[in-house]
Amino acid sequence: MPPSTIVVRAAPGRKSRAIVRLGAITVPAAIGRSGRTVMKREGDGATPIASMRLISGFRRGERNGRLVTPLSIRRIRPDMLWCDQSDSASYNRLVRAPFNASHEEMRRSDGLYDICLVMDWNISSRARNRGSAIFFHLIKPGYEPTAGCVAVSLRDMRRLLPHLRKGTIVRVV
């Protein structure tokens, strides 16, 4: 397997746990509360079984210090939101506040998006209700399930970041 591919495999025991491997680096991860699916739908709580390219990332500038990565990482501003309303023209896109349609705040108080990498799930070729905001981000304490994203610890994200660039494949199997 080339080091430019991150493989996300189900971990034994709980459908919301996974193992992430990039070359010689293997780390535990959390995935969607509903496990994995080939038929991703908005709000189903599942992580799509797919190969997704990394596009870019976001970070909280006042947290976590300097990041070492060739991936383009933008600083999160307080007005940054991500539209998750499937009938909006801005569906699965970064938008700015004020914004009336359903959305997620990128500047979260729980720290999940302090480092948040955008995977090309339903972005370059969007389809309504196929799922939005499928990110590679930081975990909740105890590796609690995500809403469909892949999440790792801050320590493990820092280990992975130097090897990630635009186009790195995240393959959920």
Protein backbone atom coordinates (compact mmCIF):
# COMPACT_ATOMS: atom_id res chain seq x y z
CA MET A 1 0.00 0.00 0.00
CA PRO A 2 1.49 3.40 -0.94
CA PRO A 3 1.97 5.87 1.92
CA SER A 4 -0.35 8.31 0.12
CA THR A 5 -3.36 6.18 1.11
CA ILE A 6 -4.94 6.15 4.54
CA VAL A 7 -6.90 2.94 5.12
CA VAL A 8 -9.75 3.02 7.64
CA ARG A 9 -10.89 -0.48 8.70
CA ALA A 10 -13.57 -1.48 11.17
CA ALA A 11 -12.19 -2.42 14.58
CA PRO A 12 -13.55 -5.51 16.30
CA GLY A 13 -16.16 -5.07 18.99
CA ARG A 14 -17.98 -1.81 18.19
CA LYS A 15 -19.29 -0.65 14.84
CA SER A 16 -18.30 2.94 15.66
CA ARG A 17 -14.60 2.10 16.14
CA ALA A 18 -11.94 1.80 13.47
CA ILE A 19 -8.24 1.35 12.86
CA VAL A 20 -6.50 3.96 10.70
CA ARG A 21 -3.32 2.99 8.88
CA LEU A 22 -0.95 5.16 6.85
CA GLY A 23 2.23 3.31 5.93
CA ALA A 24 3.80 2.15 9.21
CA ILE A 25 1.51 4.35 11.35
CA THR A 26 -1.50 2.56 12.85
CA VAL A 27 -3.86 4.39 15.23
CA PRO A 28 -7.32 3.87 16.74
CA ALA A 29 -10.22 5.97 15.47
CA ALA A 30 -13.89 6.68 15.92
CA ILE A 31 -16.30 6.53 12.98
CA GLY A 32 -20.04 7.02 12.57
CA ARG A 33 -22.43 5.92 15.30
CA SER A 34 -24.13 3.66 12.70
CA GLY A 35 -20.84 2.17 11.53
CA ARG A 36 -20.03 2.16 7.80
CA THR A 37 -22.30 2.13 4.75
CA VAL A 38 -22.17 2.03 0.97
CA MET A 39 -25.50 3.92 0.81
CA LYS A 40 -24.64 7.14 2.68
CA ARG A 41 -27.64 9.41 3.38
CA GLU A 42 -27.81 12.76 5.16
CA GLY A 43 -28.25 12.27 8.90
CA ASP A 44 -27.83 8.46 8.95
CA GLY A 45 -24.81 8.62 11.29
CA ALA A 46 -22.76 6.31 9.06
CA THR A 47 -19.29 6.71 7.59
CA PRO A 48 -19.30 6.17 3.81
CA ILE A 49 -17.43 3.13 2.50
CA ALA A 50 -15.51 4.94 -0.19
CA SER A 51 -12.17 6.31 -1.34
CA MET A 52 -12.13 10.05 -0.64
CA ARG A 53 -9.37 12.51 -1.52
CA LEU A 54 -8.18 15.02 1.06
CA ILE A 55 -8.91 18.50 -0.27
CA SER A 56 -7.76 20.88 2.47
CA GLY A 57 -8.15 21.53 6.15
CA PHE A 58 -9.13 23.94 8.88
CA ARG A 59 -7.62 24.67 12.28
CA ARG A 60 -8.29 26.76 15.34
CA GLY A 61 -5.43 29.23 15.23
CA GLU A 62 -5.28 29.81 18.98
CA ARG A 63 -5.10 26.08 19.76
CA ASN A 64 -2.60 23.29 19.11
CA GLY A 65 0.32 25.51 18.03
CA ARG A 66 2.08 25.11 14.69
CA LEU A 67 1.04 22.23 12.44
CA VAL A 68 3.60 20.48 10.26
CA THR A 69 1.89 19.37 7.04
CA PRO A 70 2.05 19.96 3.28
CA LEU A 71 -1.78 20.04 3.25
CA SER A 72 -3.34 23.48 2.87
CA ILE A 73 -4.80 24.40 6.29
CA ARG A 74 -6.91 27.53 6.79
CA ARG A 75 -7.52 29.23 10.10
CA ILE A 76 -11.13 28.95 11.29
CA ARG A 77 -12.86 32.28 11.75
CA PRO A 78 -15.90 32.74 13.99
CA ASP A 79 -18.21 33.27 10.99
CA MET A 80 -17.32 29.97 9.25
CA LEU A 81 -20.17 27.47 8.95
CA TRP A 82 -20.76 24.31 6.88
CA CYS A 83 -24.20 23.93 5.25
CA ASP A 84 -25.87 20.56 5.87
CA GLN A 85 -29.35 21.35 4.53
CA SER A 86 -29.74 19.19 1.44
CA ASP A 87 -32.21 21.46 -0.37
CA SER A 88 -29.95 24.51 -0.06
CA ALA A 89 -27.90 25.74 -3.02
CA SER A 90 -24.98 25.83 -0.53
CA TYR A 91 -25.41 22.19 0.54
CA ASN A 92 -22.14 20.61 1.69
CA ARG A 93 -20.23 23.86 1.30
CA LEU A 94 -18.41 26.30 3.54
CA VAL A 95 -20.64 29.32 4.18
CA ARG A 96 -20.42 32.44 6.31
CA ALA A 97 -22.63 33.64 9.14
CA PRO A 98 -25.25 34.88 9.23
CA PHE A 99 -26.72 31.90 7.38
CA ASN A 100 -30.33 30.76 7.80
CA ALA A 101 -30.22 27.21 6.43
CA SER A 102 -29.19 24.29 8.66
CA HIS A 103 -25.43 24.23 9.26
CA GLU A 104 -22.57 23.19 11.52
CA GLU A 105 -20.29 25.71 13.20
CA MET A 106 -16.68 25.18 12.22
CA ARG A 107 -15.46 26.93 15.37
CA ARG A 108 -16.84 24.35 17.80
CA SER A 109 -16.59 24.74 21.54
CA ASP A 110 -15.91 21.00 22.02
CA GLY A 111 -12.64 21.13 20.03
CA LEU A 112 -13.54 18.44 17.47
CA TYR A 113 -12.71 20.74 14.56
CA ASP A 114 -9.59 22.28 16.13
CA ILE A 115 -7.95 20.29 13.33
CA CYS A 116 -10.44 19.35 10.64
CA LEU A 117 -9.50 17.88 7.27
CA VAL A 118 -12.00 18.05 4.41
CA MET A 119 -12.47 14.84 2.43
CA ASP A 120 -14.05 14.91 -1.01
CA TRP A 121 -17.27 13.18 -0.07
CA ASN A 122 -20.16 14.65 -2.06
CA ILE A 123 -18.27 17.90 -2.70
CA SER A 124 -16.80 17.94 -6.22
CA SER A 125 -19.82 16.00 -7.46
CA ARG A 126 -22.71 16.89 -5.13
CA ALA A 127 -25.97 15.00 -4.85
CA ARG A 128 -28.77 16.10 -2.55
CA ASN A 129 -29.13 14.09 0.65
CA ARG A 130 -25.96 12.01 0.07
CA GLY A 131 -24.27 13.35 3.20
CA SER A 132 -22.39 16.47 4.15
CA ALA A 133 -19.47 17.51 6.34
CA ILE A 134 -17.67 14.17 6.15
CA PHE A 135 -14.41 15.25 7.76
CA PHE A 136 -11.28 13.72 9.28
CA HIS A 137 -11.12 15.45 12.67
CA LEU A 138 -10.28 15.10 16.36
CA ILE A 139 -12.02 12.63 18.68
CA LYS A 140 -14.44 13.10 21.52
CA PRO A 141 -13.21 11.73 24.87
CA GLY A 142 -13.47 7.93 24.97
CA TYR A 143 -13.55 7.67 21.17
CA GLU A 144 -17.27 8.39 21.15
CA PRO A 145 -18.91 7.84 17.75
CA THR A 146 -19.04 10.58 15.13
CA ALA A 147 -21.97 11.61 12.92
CA GLY A 148 -20.20 9.95 9.96
CA CYS A 149 -16.67 11.36 10.05
CA VAL A 150 -13.36 9.70 10.88
CA ALA A 151 -11.82 10.99 14.12
CA VAL A 152 -8.45 10.44 15.83
CA SER A 153 -6.68 11.82 18.88
CA LEU A 154 -4.70 15.06 18.70
CA ARG A 155 -1.47 13.10 19.24
CA ASP A 156 -2.28 10.74 16.37
CA MET A 157 -3.42 13.58 14.07
CA ARG A 158 -0.04 15.25 14.65
CA ARG A 159 1.70 11.98 13.69
CA LEU A 160 -0.33 11.73 10.47
CA LEU A 161 -0.28 15.38 9.33
CA PRO A 162 3.34 15.50 8.05
CA HIS A 163 2.43 12.75 5.54
CA LEU A 164 -0.81 14.27 4.28
CA ARG A 165 -1.22 16.46 1.23
CA LYS A 166 -3.95 17.42 -1.18
CA GLY A 167 -5.00 14.27 -2.99
CA THR A 168 -4.08 11.82 -0.22
CA ILE A 169 -6.73 9.10 -0.37
CA VAL A 170 -8.76 8.16 2.72
CA ARG A 171 -10.13 4.71 1.90
CA VAL A 172 -12.86 3.47 4.24
CA VAL A 173 -13.25 -0.30 3.76
